[in-house]
Protein backbone atom coordinates (compact mmCIF):
# COMPACT_ATOMS: atom_id res chain seq x y z
CA MET A 1 0.14 -0.54 -0.16
CA SER A 2 2.47 2.42 0.86
CA LEU A 3 4.30 1.66 -2.58
CA LYS A 4 0.94 2.64 -4.60
CA VAL A 5 0.75 5.75 -2.26
CA GLU A 6 4.29 6.63 -3.27
CA THR A 7 3.93 5.85 -6.75
CA LEU A 8 0.83 8.12 -6.63
CA LYS A 9 2.52 11.32 -5.48
CA ALA A 10 5.36 10.91 -7.99
CA GLU A 11 3.01 10.74 -10.69
CA VAL A 12 1.15 13.75 -8.95
CA ALA A 13 4.58 15.63 -8.61
CA LYS A 14 5.05 14.85 -12.35
CA LYS A 15 1.88 16.21 -13.33
CA GLU A 16 2.20 19.27 -11.52
CA ALA A 17 5.58 19.80 -13.02
CA SER A 18 4.06 19.44 -16.17
CA LEU A 19 1.34 21.71 -15.50
CA GLN A 20 3.80 24.24 -14.17
CA ALA A 21 5.54 24.20 -17.40
CA TRP A 22 2.79 24.44 -19.32
CA GLU A 23 1.47 27.44 -17.73
CA THR A 24 4.84 29.22 -18.08
CA LYS A 25 4.62 28.70 -21.59
CA THR A 26 1.36 29.78 -22.05
CA GLU A 27 2.26 32.88 -19.81
CA THR A 28 5.42 33.59 -22.34
CA LEU A 29 3.00 33.32 -25.25
CA ARG A 30 0.69 35.73 -23.78
CA GLN A 31 3.35 38.06 -23.50
CA HIS A 32 4.80 37.39 -27.25
CA GLN A 33 1.16 38.23 -28.31
CA SER A 34 1.09 41.18 -26.53
CA ASP A 35 4.53 42.85 -27.56
CA GLN A 36 3.52 41.99 -31.09
CA GLN A 37 0.30 43.97 -30.47
CA GLN A 38 2.39 46.66 -29.46
CA HIS A 39 4.95 46.57 -32.17
CA ILE A 40 1.73 46.31 -34.85
CA SER A 41 0.27 49.94 -33.13
CA VAL A 42 3.78 51.37 -33.35
CA LEU A 43 3.97 50.49 -37.03
CA GLN A 44 0.24 51.47 -37.86
CA THR A 45 0.94 54.78 -36.29
CA SER A 46 4.39 55.17 -38.16
CA ILE A 47 2.13 54.66 -41.61
CA GLN A 48 -0.05 56.76 -40.56
CA ALA A 49 2.69 59.70 -40.12
CA LYS A 50 4.19 58.71 -43.48
CA GLU A 51 1.35 59.06 -45.28
CA HIS A 52 0.44 62.33 -43.95
CA HIS A 53 3.95 63.40 -44.56
CA ILE A 54 3.15 62.32 -48.53
CA LYS A 55 0.09 63.99 -48.57
CA ASN A 56 2.19 67.29 -47.14
CA LEU A 57 4.44 66.94 -50.15
CA GLN A 58 1.96 66.34 -52.69
CA ALA A 59 0.32 69.23 -51.69
CA GLU A 60 3.37 71.63 -51.91
CA VAL A 61 4.51 69.92 -55.35
CA ILE A 62 0.88 71.12 -55.92
CA CYS A 63 1.23 74.90 -54.78
CA SER A 64 4.75 74.91 -56.57
CA LEU A 65 3.16 73.92 -59.64
CA VAL A 66 0.20 76.29 -59.64
CA PHE A 67 2.70 78.87 -58.85
CA ILE A 68 5.62 78.49 -61.77
CA GLU A 69 2.37 78.75 -63.90
């Protein structure tokens, strides 16, 4: 009986260690996803700024062309 209890305790400890490993992996993946979302947000902001800059340059070119004529 004692051997069976020890075997079951060992199995429980093994499963708890496996669960802990999965929880750690899950948390790591969540953090990675959060980092990626933040990076996407930064890239979107950068794109918006570049689009705004392009529009300003286009307006300057049009004004220059009108002024030259």
